[in-house]
Protein backbone atom coordinates (compact mmCIF):
# COMPACT_ATOMS: atom_id res chain seq x y z
CA MET A 1 -0.41 0.60 -0.13
CA SER A 2 1.00 3.15 -0.84
CA PHE A 3 1.97 5.87 1.72
CA ASN A 4 -1.97 7.69 1.08
CA THR A 5 -5.23 6.43 -0.26
CA VAL A 6 -6.62 9.31 -1.56
CA ASN A 7 -3.47 9.85 -4.48
CA ASP A 8 -3.86 6.03 -5.19
CA LEU A 9 -7.84 6.97 -5.89
CA SER A 10 -6.46 10.17 -7.97
CA ASN A 11 -4.55 8.20 -10.00
CA GLU A 12 -7.14 5.15 -10.49
CA HIS A 13 -9.42 7.92 -12.26
CA GLN A 14 -6.15 8.52 -14.72
CA VAL A 15 -6.98 5.38 -15.87
CA VAL A 16 -10.92 5.42 -15.53
CA PHE A 17 -10.50 8.80 -18.00
CA LYS A 18 -8.66 6.92 -20.73
CA ARG A 19 -10.89 3.06 -20.41
CA LEU A 20 -13.81 5.87 -20.83
CA GLN A 21 -12.70 7.64 -23.86
CA ALA A 22 -11.21 4.18 -25.62
CA LEU A 23 -15.05 3.00 -25.35
CA ILE A 24 -16.85 6.09 -27.19
CA LYS A 25 -16.18 4.36 -30.10
CA PRO A 26 -16.93 0.55 -29.40
CA ALA A 27 -20.34 1.92 -27.95
CA ASP A 28 -20.78 3.39 -31.72
CA GLU A 29 -20.38 -0.12 -33.40
CA LEU A 30 -22.25 -2.05 -31.32
CA GLU A 31 -25.13 0.07 -31.81
CA LYS A 32 -24.72 0.17 -35.46
CA GLY A 33 -24.25 -3.73 -35.47
CA THR A 34 -20.72 -3.58 -36.79
CA GLY A 35 -18.27 -4.23 -33.77
CA GLY A 36 -17.64 -2.96 -30.09
CA LEU A 37 -18.71 -6.53 -28.57
CA SER A 38 -15.65 -7.00 -27.42
CA GLU A 39 -14.58 -4.28 -25.66
CA ILE A 40 -18.17 -3.78 -24.75
CA LYS A 41 -17.47 -7.16 -22.43
CA GLU A 42 -13.39 -6.64 -21.21
CA PHE A 43 -15.59 -2.89 -20.12
CA SER A 44 -17.56 -4.67 -17.97
CA CYS A 45 -15.19 -6.62 -16.44
CA PHE A 46 -13.03 -3.58 -15.45
CA LEU A 47 -15.84 -2.47 -13.73
CA GLU A 48 -16.64 -5.63 -12.21
CA LYS A 49 -13.12 -6.17 -11.13
CA GLU A 50 -11.87 -2.88 -10.11
CA ILE A 51 -14.55 0.13 -10.48
CA ILE A 52 -16.55 -1.78 -8.23
CA LEU A 53 -13.49 -2.78 -5.73
CA HIS A 54 -12.66 1.20 -5.86
CA PHE A 55 -16.19 2.61 -4.86
CA ASP A 56 -15.93 0.74 -1.99
CA ILE A 57 -12.36 2.03 -0.91
CA GLU A 58 -14.59 5.13 -1.45
CA GLU A 59 -17.72 4.20 0.35
CA LYS A 60 -15.78 2.10 3.18
CA ALA A 61 -12.53 3.42 4.41
CA LEU A 62 -12.38 7.44 2.75
CA PHE A 63 -16.12 8.46 3.25
CA PRO A 64 -16.44 8.12 6.66
CA VAL A 65 -13.56 9.35 7.90
CA LEU A 66 -14.22 12.26 5.91
CA GLY A 67 -17.50 11.97 7.08
CA ARG A 68 -16.85 12.54 10.90
CA MET A 69 -15.58 16.44 10.21
CA ILE A 70 -17.87 17.20 7.54
CA GLY A 71 -20.59 15.54 7.88
CA THR A 72 -22.25 12.58 5.10
CA ASP A 73 -26.04 14.41 5.32
CA ASN A 74 -24.94 16.54 2.80
CA GLY A 75 -22.26 18.51 1.09
CA PRO A 76 -19.81 16.62 -1.03
CA ILE A 77 -19.45 13.25 0.62
CA PHE A 78 -23.55 13.11 0.26
CA VAL A 79 -22.81 13.77 -3.65
CA MET A 80 -20.56 11.36 -4.48
CA LEU A 81 -22.50 8.68 -2.24
CA THR A 82 -25.88 9.63 -3.83
CA GLU A 83 -23.97 9.14 -7.50
CA HIS A 84 -22.47 5.74 -6.10
CA GLU A 85 -26.17 4.74 -5.81
CA ASP A 86 -26.75 5.66 -9.14
CA LEU A 87 -23.67 4.40 -11.10
CA THR A 88 -23.42 1.05 -8.94
CA PRO A 89 -26.67 -0.68 -10.19
CA LYS A 90 -26.10 0.38 -13.56
CA PHE A 91 -22.53 -1.39 -13.46
CA ARG A 92 -23.83 -4.22 -12.61
CA GLU A 93 -27.21 -4.44 -14.68
CA LEU A 94 -24.20 -4.31 -17.65
CA ILE A 95 -21.61 -6.30 -16.08
CA GLU A 96 -24.82 -9.07 -16.61
CA LEU A 97 -26.26 -7.92 -19.65
CA SER A 98 -22.69 -8.53 -21.43
CA LYS A 99 -22.30 -12.01 -19.75
CA ASN A 100 -23.95 -13.46 -22.68
CA LEU A 101 -24.38 -10.04 -25.11
CA THR A 102 -24.33 -11.22 -28.51
CA SER A 103 -23.55 -9.30 -31.73
CA SER A 104 -27.41 -10.98 -33.04
CA ASP A 105 -29.54 -9.59 -29.65
CA LEU A 106 -30.54 -5.71 -30.13
CA ASP A 107 -32.46 -5.23 -27.67
CA SER A 108 -29.88 -6.36 -25.29
CA ARG A 109 -27.02 -4.34 -27.79
CA LYS A 110 -29.34 -1.17 -27.56
CA ARG A 111 -29.87 -1.31 -23.40
CA ALA A 112 -25.68 -2.17 -23.49
CA VAL A 113 -25.06 0.73 -25.72
CA LYS A 114 -27.58 3.24 -23.65
CA LEU A 115 -25.69 1.72 -20.41
CA THR A 116 -22.48 2.08 -21.83
CA ARG A 117 -22.94 5.51 -22.58
CA TYR A 118 -24.39 6.47 -19.72
CA ILE A 119 -21.73 5.49 -17.46
CA ILE A 120 -18.96 6.96 -19.43
CA THR A 121 -20.63 10.30 -19.26
CA ASN A 122 -21.48 9.88 -15.78
CA LEU A 123 -18.35 8.32 -13.74
CA TYR A 124 -16.28 10.64 -16.01
CA ASN A 125 -18.54 13.85 -14.07
CA HIS A 126 -18.44 12.05 -11.09
CA ALA A 127 -14.64 11.44 -11.09
CA GLN A 128 -13.85 14.84 -12.10
CA LYS A 129 -15.83 15.95 -8.77
CA GLU A 130 -13.81 13.57 -6.83
CA ASP A 131 -10.16 14.81 -8.27
CA GLN A 132 -11.42 19.01 -8.38
CA ILE A 133 -13.42 19.22 -4.54
CA LEU A 134 -13.22 15.86 -2.50
CA PHE A 135 -9.80 14.49 -3.06
CA PRO A 136 -7.84 17.66 -2.73
CA PHE A 137 -9.78 18.51 0.85
CA ALA A 138 -8.76 14.45 2.19
CA LEU A 139 -5.03 15.14 1.48
CA ASN A 140 -5.27 18.92 3.51
CA ALA A 141 -7.57 17.63 6.17
CA LEU A 142 -6.59 14.16 6.93
CA GLU A 143 -3.79 14.45 9.80
CA PRO A 144 -1.63 11.17 9.57
CA GLU A 145 -3.87 8.97 11.99
CA GLN A 146 -6.76 9.34 9.94
CA GLN A 147 -4.66 8.79 6.66
CA ALA A 148 -3.14 5.85 8.94
CA GLU A 149 -6.67 4.74 9.49
CA VAL A 150 -8.25 4.91 6.15
CA ASP A 151 -4.95 3.16 4.39
CA SER A 152 -5.73 0.29 6.85
CA ALA A 153 -8.98 -0.02 6.14
CA ALA A 154 -8.43 -0.08 1.91
CA GLU A 155 -5.84 -2.68 2.30
CA LYS A 156 -9.08 -4.80 4.19
CA LEU A 157 -10.89 -5.03 0.96
CA LYS A 158 -8.09 -4.88 -1.32
CA ILE A 159 -7.17 -7.94 0.33
CA SER A 160 -11.16 -9.05 0.86
CA HIS A 161 -12.20 -8.29 -2.90
CA GLN A 162 -8.72 -11.04 -4.73
C-alpha cells in the first residue's frame, strides 16, 4: 500500500478516464452492429474487478473518515454517495448483460449501448468532482492518524476483494 489511499484513488481515475474515452467508439460500433462487443465485455470485467472495489474503498474507508469531519447528510460526501448509488446498479446491469451479449440480440445491444454511454458520461463527471473537490480537501485535511486509518481500511478491502 502506498502512503496515501487518496493518491491511489486519484491515480486510478487517470486509468478510468482513458478507459472511458476508449469506449466511445466501441459503443458506437455496437449500436451499429459493426463491432464493439469484445470491448464492452472487457470493460464490464474492468467495472466488476476494479471500479466496484474503487467505490467500496471510497465508501468504506475514505468517506467514513471524512464524514466525521464534514458530515455526510449534505455536501461533497453526500453528493458522491448519491452518485455511487446511481452508478452502481448501472455497472451491475451492464456486467450481467455483457455475460450473454451477442451482436445478433438487438434489444440487449441497445440496452448495453445506453448503459455504456450513461456510464461514460456520469462516471467521468463523478471522478472529475472527486479529483477537483473531495480529494484535494482530503489530502489537506486528513491528519496522519486519519490517513493511516483510511489506508488500513483500504488494504483490508483490497484483500477481501481478491
